[in-house]
């Protein structure tokens, strides 16, 4: 019931190999910036992507959230990756039942190098 819960649920569902459960954390028309350099649009495409990713049973560790910014029914959540590389950020929207779903997900930001932002 809080936007920050989505990250915890993502870790739990991913570690359980539940691609459908991961996709359920996204709005039907959500956009995920993954794999790096591409975009995956729509809950069904996100589910199909996570089915492929979770086949190898990667283990995700919880990352402490940074303070969430909320404006009405929109929230910006973020976490610093445990490995110290860049950041992760998501835009979530409150649903009619009070729960939150991801609308936009940027799971990997590269730290800018000396010549400017990474591309």
N, C-alpha and C. Protein backbone atom coordinates (compact mmCIF):
# COMPACT_ATOMS: atom_id res chain seq x y z
N UNK A 1 0.81 -1.20 0.00
CA UNK A 1 0.00 0.00 0.00
C UNK A 1 0.85 1.27 0.00
N UNK A 2 2.18 1.10 -0.03
CA UNK A 2 3.08 2.25 -0.14
C UNK A 2 3.93 2.06 -1.39
N UNK A 3 4.30 3.13 -2.06
CA UNK A 3 5.10 2.97 -3.28
C UNK A 3 6.40 2.23 -3.03
N UNK A 4 6.97 2.39 -1.83
CA UNK A 4 8.23 1.72 -1.49
C UNK A 4 8.08 0.21 -1.43
N UNK A 5 6.86 -0.28 -1.22
CA UNK A 5 6.63 -1.72 -1.13
C UNK A 5 6.93 -2.44 -2.44
N UNK A 6 6.82 -1.74 -3.54
CA UNK A 6 7.00 -2.39 -4.84
C UNK A 6 8.39 -2.99 -4.97
N UNK A 7 9.41 -2.28 -4.50
CA UNK A 7 10.77 -2.80 -4.61
C UNK A 7 10.92 -4.08 -3.80
N UNK A 8 10.40 -4.09 -2.59
CA UNK A 8 10.47 -5.29 -1.75
C UNK A 8 9.73 -6.45 -2.43
N UNK A 9 8.55 -6.18 -2.96
CA UNK A 9 7.78 -7.22 -3.64
C UNK A 9 8.49 -7.72 -4.89
N UNK A 10 9.14 -6.80 -5.60
CA UNK A 10 9.91 -7.20 -6.78
C UNK A 10 10.99 -8.21 -6.39
N UNK A 11 11.74 -7.92 -5.33
CA UNK A 11 12.81 -8.83 -4.89
C UNK A 11 12.23 -10.17 -4.48
N UNK A 12 11.16 -10.17 -3.69
CA UNK A 12 10.54 -11.42 -3.25
C UNK A 12 10.06 -12.25 -4.42
N UNK A 13 9.36 -11.62 -5.35
CA UNK A 13 8.79 -12.36 -6.48
C UNK A 13 9.86 -12.83 -7.45
N UNK A 14 10.85 -12.00 -7.70
CA UNK A 14 11.95 -12.40 -8.59
C UNK A 14 12.70 -13.60 -8.01
N UNK A 15 13.02 -13.52 -6.73
CA UNK A 15 13.74 -14.63 -6.09
C UNK A 15 12.93 -15.90 -6.04
N UNK A 16 11.61 -15.79 -6.11
CA UNK A 16 10.73 -16.96 -6.17
C UNK A 16 10.54 -17.47 -7.60
N UNK A 17 11.13 -16.77 -8.59
CA UNK A 17 10.98 -17.15 -9.99
C UNK A 17 9.61 -16.84 -10.56
N UNK A 18 8.90 -15.88 -9.98
CA UNK A 18 7.52 -15.56 -10.34
C UNK A 18 7.44 -14.38 -11.31
N UNK A 19 7.63 -14.65 -12.59
CA UNK A 19 7.60 -13.60 -13.61
C UNK A 19 6.22 -12.95 -13.70
N UNK A 20 5.16 -13.72 -13.54
CA UNK A 20 3.81 -13.16 -13.57
C UNK A 20 3.61 -12.22 -12.39
N UNK A 21 4.11 -12.61 -11.23
CA UNK A 21 4.01 -11.76 -10.05
C UNK A 21 4.80 -10.47 -10.19
N UNK A 22 5.98 -10.56 -10.82
CA UNK A 22 6.78 -9.35 -11.08
C UNK A 22 6.00 -8.43 -12.02
N UNK A 23 5.46 -8.98 -13.10
CA UNK A 23 4.73 -8.17 -14.07
C UNK A 23 3.49 -7.52 -13.45
N UNK A 24 2.89 -8.17 -12.45
CA UNK A 24 1.71 -7.62 -11.79
C UNK A 24 2.02 -6.35 -11.01
N UNK A 25 3.30 -6.04 -10.82
CA UNK A 25 3.70 -4.81 -10.13
C UNK A 25 3.69 -3.61 -11.07
N UNK A 26 3.40 -3.83 -12.34
CA UNK A 26 3.43 -2.79 -13.36
C UNK A 26 2.02 -2.51 -13.89
N UNK A 27 1.77 -1.25 -14.26
CA UNK A 27 0.52 -0.91 -14.94
C UNK A 27 0.49 -1.61 -16.30
N UNK A 28 -0.69 -1.80 -16.88
CA UNK A 28 -0.78 -2.49 -18.17
C UNK A 28 0.07 -1.87 -19.28
N UNK A 29 0.23 -0.54 -19.28
CA UNK A 29 1.01 0.13 -20.33
C UNK A 29 2.35 0.65 -19.82
N UNK A 30 2.87 0.07 -18.76
CA UNK A 30 4.13 0.53 -18.17
C UNK A 30 5.28 0.38 -19.16
N UNK A 31 6.34 1.17 -18.91
CA UNK A 31 7.55 1.09 -19.72
C UNK A 31 8.73 0.81 -18.79
N UNK A 32 9.48 -0.22 -19.13
CA UNK A 32 10.66 -0.65 -18.40
C UNK A 32 11.88 -0.43 -19.28
N UNK A 33 12.85 0.31 -18.80
CA UNK A 33 14.08 0.57 -19.56
C UNK A 33 15.04 -0.60 -19.33
N UNK A 34 14.72 -1.73 -19.89
CA UNK A 34 15.54 -2.94 -19.74
C UNK A 34 15.16 -3.89 -20.86
N UNK A 35 16.11 -4.61 -21.43
CA UNK A 35 17.54 -4.61 -21.20
C UNK A 35 18.17 -3.24 -21.48
N UNK A 36 19.37 -3.02 -20.91
CA UNK A 36 20.02 -1.72 -21.07
C UNK A 36 20.06 -1.27 -22.53
N UNK A 37 19.70 -0.01 -22.73
CA UNK A 37 19.70 0.55 -24.07
C UNK A 37 18.41 0.30 -24.85
N UNK A 38 17.46 -0.42 -24.24
CA UNK A 38 16.18 -0.70 -24.91
C UNK A 38 15.04 -0.40 -23.95
N UNK A 39 13.82 -0.52 -24.45
CA UNK A 39 12.64 -0.36 -23.63
C UNK A 39 11.71 -1.55 -23.85
N UNK A 40 11.10 -1.99 -22.77
CA UNK A 40 10.09 -3.04 -22.84
C UNK A 40 8.78 -2.40 -22.41
N UNK A 41 7.80 -2.39 -23.29
CA UNK A 41 6.54 -1.69 -23.03
C UNK A 41 5.38 -2.66 -22.87
N UNK A 42 4.61 -2.46 -21.82
CA UNK A 42 3.42 -3.26 -21.57
C UNK A 42 3.67 -4.39 -20.61
N UNK A 43 2.68 -4.64 -19.77
CA UNK A 43 2.80 -5.68 -18.73
C UNK A 43 3.10 -7.05 -19.32
N UNK A 44 2.46 -7.40 -20.43
CA UNK A 44 2.70 -8.73 -21.02
C UNK A 44 4.14 -8.86 -21.51
N UNK A 45 4.66 -7.82 -22.14
CA UNK A 45 6.06 -7.85 -22.61
C UNK A 45 7.02 -7.89 -21.42
N UNK A 46 6.67 -7.20 -20.35
CA UNK A 46 7.50 -7.22 -19.15
C UNK A 46 7.49 -8.62 -18.54
N UNK A 47 6.33 -9.25 -18.52
CA UNK A 47 6.25 -10.63 -18.02
C UNK A 47 7.12 -11.57 -18.85
N UNK A 48 7.02 -11.46 -20.17
CA UNK A 48 7.81 -12.33 -21.05
C UNK A 48 9.30 -12.09 -20.84
N UNK A 49 9.70 -10.84 -20.68
CA UNK A 49 11.11 -10.53 -20.42
C UNK A 49 11.57 -11.18 -19.12
N UNK A 50 10.78 -11.04 -18.04
CA UNK A 50 11.19 -11.61 -16.76
C UNK A 50 11.16 -13.13 -16.77
N UNK A 51 10.31 -13.73 -17.57
CA UNK A 51 10.37 -15.19 -17.71
C UNK A 51 11.75 -15.62 -18.20
N UNK A 52 12.28 -14.90 -19.18
CA UNK A 52 13.60 -15.21 -19.73
C UNK A 52 14.69 -14.94 -18.70
N UNK A 53 14.62 -13.81 -18.02
CA UNK A 53 15.64 -13.44 -17.05
C UNK A 53 15.65 -14.43 -15.88
N UNK A 54 14.48 -14.81 -15.40
CA UNK A 54 14.40 -15.63 -14.20
C UNK A 54 14.69 -17.11 -14.44
N UNK A 55 14.82 -17.51 -15.70
CA UNK A 55 15.16 -18.90 -16.00
C UNK A 55 16.50 -19.29 -15.36
N UNK A 56 17.43 -18.36 -15.29
CA UNK A 56 18.74 -18.63 -14.70
C UNK A 56 18.76 -18.47 -13.18
N UNK A 57 17.58 -18.17 -12.60
CA UNK A 57 17.40 -18.04 -11.15
C UNK A 57 18.39 -17.07 -10.49
N UNK A 58 18.46 -15.84 -11.02
CA UNK A 58 19.32 -14.85 -10.35
C UNK A 58 18.77 -14.55 -8.95
N UNK A 59 19.65 -14.15 -8.05
CA UNK A 59 19.24 -13.78 -6.69
C UNK A 59 19.37 -12.28 -6.53
N UNK A 60 18.30 -11.65 -6.11
CA UNK A 60 18.29 -10.21 -5.88
C UNK A 60 18.32 -9.96 -4.38
N UNK A 61 19.07 -8.96 -3.98
CA UNK A 61 19.12 -8.57 -2.57
C UNK A 61 18.37 -7.26 -2.40
N UNK A 62 17.66 -7.12 -1.29
CA UNK A 62 16.97 -5.85 -1.05
C UNK A 62 17.97 -4.70 -0.95
N UNK A 63 17.60 -3.57 -1.50
CA UNK A 63 18.41 -2.36 -1.41
C UNK A 63 17.60 -1.32 -0.65
N UNK A 64 18.22 -0.60 0.28
CA UNK A 64 17.47 0.37 1.06
C UNK A 64 16.96 1.51 0.17
N UNK A 65 15.70 1.87 0.30
CA UNK A 65 15.15 2.93 -0.55
C UNK A 65 15.65 4.30 -0.14
N UNK A 66 15.78 5.17 -1.12
CA UNK A 66 16.00 6.58 -0.85
C UNK A 66 14.64 7.20 -0.54
N UNK A 67 14.58 8.40 0.00
CA UNK A 67 13.28 8.99 0.31
C UNK A 67 12.39 9.06 -0.94
N UNK A 68 11.14 8.70 -0.77
CA UNK A 68 10.16 8.72 -1.85
C UNK A 68 9.56 10.11 -1.98
N UNK A 69 9.39 10.55 -3.21
CA UNK A 69 8.70 11.81 -3.49
C UNK A 69 7.29 11.47 -3.96
N UNK A 70 6.28 12.07 -3.31
CA UNK A 70 4.90 11.80 -3.67
C UNK A 70 4.21 13.12 -3.98
N UNK A 71 3.49 13.15 -5.10
CA UNK A 71 2.66 14.28 -5.47
C UNK A 71 1.32 13.72 -5.90
N UNK A 72 0.34 13.83 -5.03
CA UNK A 72 -0.97 13.26 -5.34
C UNK A 72 -0.90 11.77 -5.52
N UNK A 73 -1.25 11.30 -6.72
CA UNK A 73 -1.26 9.87 -7.00
C UNK A 73 -0.02 9.39 -7.75
N UNK A 74 1.03 10.21 -7.79
CA UNK A 74 2.27 9.86 -8.48
C UNK A 74 3.40 9.85 -7.46
N UNK A 75 4.28 8.87 -7.55
CA UNK A 75 5.41 8.77 -6.64
C UNK A 75 6.67 8.44 -7.43
N UNK A 76 7.79 8.98 -6.96
CA UNK A 76 9.10 8.66 -7.50
C UNK A 76 9.85 7.91 -6.42
N UNK A 77 10.20 6.66 -6.71
CA UNK A 77 10.98 5.85 -5.79
C UNK A 77 12.34 5.61 -6.39
N UNK A 78 13.32 5.37 -5.53
CA UNK A 78 14.66 5.11 -6.03
C UNK A 78 15.47 4.36 -4.98
N UNK A 79 16.48 3.67 -5.44
CA UNK A 79 17.41 2.97 -4.57
C UNK A 79 18.81 3.11 -5.14
N UNK A 80 19.80 3.21 -4.27
CA UNK A 80 21.18 3.14 -4.76
C UNK A 80 21.58 1.67 -4.84
N UNK A 81 22.05 1.19 -5.97
CA UNK A 81 22.46 -0.21 -6.08
C UNK A 81 23.55 -0.54 -5.06
N UNK A 82 23.48 -1.75 -4.53
CA UNK A 82 24.44 -2.20 -3.52
C UNK A 82 25.87 -2.15 -4.03
N UNK A 83 26.05 -2.30 -5.35
CA UNK A 83 27.42 -2.29 -5.90
C UNK A 83 27.94 -0.88 -6.13
N UNK A 84 27.14 0.14 -5.81
CA UNK A 84 27.60 1.52 -5.92
C UNK A 84 27.64 2.08 -7.33
N UNK A 85 27.07 1.38 -8.29
CA UNK A 85 27.09 1.85 -9.67
C UNK A 85 25.78 2.52 -10.02
N UNK A 86 25.79 3.83 -10.17
CA UNK A 86 24.62 4.55 -10.63
C UNK A 86 23.47 4.57 -9.64
N UNK A 87 22.25 4.37 -10.16
CA UNK A 87 21.04 4.42 -9.34
C UNK A 87 19.91 3.69 -10.05
N UNK A 88 18.82 3.50 -9.33
CA UNK A 88 17.60 2.93 -9.89
C UNK A 88 16.46 3.89 -9.55
N UNK A 89 15.52 4.08 -10.46
CA UNK A 89 14.39 4.98 -10.19
C UNK A 89 13.13 4.44 -10.87
N UNK A 90 12.00 4.66 -10.18
CA UNK A 90 10.72 4.23 -10.71
C UNK A 90 9.67 5.30 -10.43
N UNK A 91 8.74 5.43 -11.37
CA UNK A 91 7.56 6.27 -11.16
C UNK A 91 6.40 5.30 -10.97
N UNK A 92 5.69 5.49 -9.86
CA UNK A 92 4.54 4.64 -9.55
C UNK A 92 3.29 5.51 -9.49
N UNK A 93 2.15 4.87 -9.73
CA UNK A 93 0.88 5.60 -9.67
C UNK A 93 -0.06 4.84 -8.72
N UNK A 94 -0.73 5.62 -7.86
CA UNK A 94 -1.71 5.03 -6.95
C UNK A 94 -2.92 4.56 -7.76
N UNK A 95 -3.37 3.36 -7.45
CA UNK A 95 -4.51 2.76 -8.13
C UNK A 95 -5.79 3.07 -7.35
N UNK A 96 -6.93 2.80 -7.95
CA UNK A 96 -8.21 3.13 -7.32
C UNK A 96 -8.41 2.39 -5.99
N UNK A 97 -7.75 1.25 -5.79
CA UNK A 97 -7.88 0.51 -4.53
C UNK A 97 -6.86 0.96 -3.48
N UNK A 98 -6.05 1.97 -3.81
CA UNK A 98 -5.05 2.48 -2.87
C UNK A 98 -3.69 1.86 -3.02
N UNK A 99 -3.57 0.79 -3.80
CA UNK A 99 -2.26 0.17 -4.04
C UNK A 99 -1.48 1.01 -5.07
N UNK A 100 -0.23 0.66 -5.26
CA UNK A 100 0.63 1.38 -6.20
C UNK A 100 1.17 0.40 -7.23
N UNK A 101 1.30 0.87 -8.48
CA UNK A 101 1.92 0.08 -9.56
C UNK A 101 2.93 0.96 -10.27
N UNK A 102 3.96 0.31 -10.78
CA UNK A 102 4.98 1.03 -11.54
C UNK A 102 4.44 1.43 -12.90
N UNK A 103 4.73 2.66 -13.26
CA UNK A 103 4.38 3.20 -14.57
C UNK A 103 5.63 3.29 -15.44
N UNK A 104 6.72 3.76 -14.85
CA UNK A 104 8.02 3.87 -15.52
C UNK A 104 9.07 3.26 -14.61
N UNK A 105 9.99 2.50 -15.20
CA UNK A 105 11.02 1.85 -14.40
C UNK A 105 12.36 1.98 -15.12
N UNK A 106 13.28 2.66 -14.48
CA UNK A 106 14.65 2.80 -14.98
C UNK A 106 15.55 2.06 -13.98
N UNK A 107 15.76 0.74 -14.19
CA UNK A 107 16.49 -0.03 -13.19
C UNK A 107 18.00 0.18 -13.19
N UNK A 108 18.54 0.82 -14.22
CA UNK A 108 19.98 1.00 -14.26
C UNK A 108 20.31 2.37 -14.85
N UNK A 109 20.89 3.22 -14.00
CA UNK A 109 21.47 4.47 -14.47
C UNK A 109 22.97 4.31 -14.34
N UNK A 110 23.71 4.68 -15.36
CA UNK A 110 25.16 4.66 -15.25
C UNK A 110 25.62 5.96 -14.66
N UNK A 111 26.65 5.90 -13.82
CA UNK A 111 27.23 7.10 -13.26
C UNK A 111 27.94 7.85 -14.37
N UNK A 112 27.70 9.19 -14.49
CA UNK A 112 28.37 9.96 -15.55
C UNK A 112 29.88 9.88 -15.42
N UNK A 113 30.52 9.74 -16.56
CA UNK A 113 31.99 9.72 -16.58
C UNK A 113 32.53 11.13 -16.69
N UNK A 114 33.84 11.27 -16.80
CA UNK A 114 34.46 12.61 -16.85
C UNK A 114 34.05 13.41 -18.09
N UNK A 115 33.58 12.70 -19.13
CA UNK A 115 33.19 13.40 -20.37
C UNK A 115 31.68 13.62 -20.46
N UNK A 116 30.96 13.45 -19.36
CA UNK A 116 29.52 13.68 -19.37
C UNK A 116 28.76 12.39 -19.15
N UNK A 117 27.44 12.42 -19.33
CA UNK A 117 26.61 11.27 -19.07
C UNK A 117 26.95 10.08 -19.96
N UNK A 118 26.81 8.89 -19.41
CA UNK A 118 27.00 7.67 -20.20
C UNK A 118 25.83 7.54 -21.15
N UNK A 119 26.06 6.94 -22.28
CA UNK A 119 24.99 6.75 -23.28
C UNK A 119 24.72 5.29 -23.50
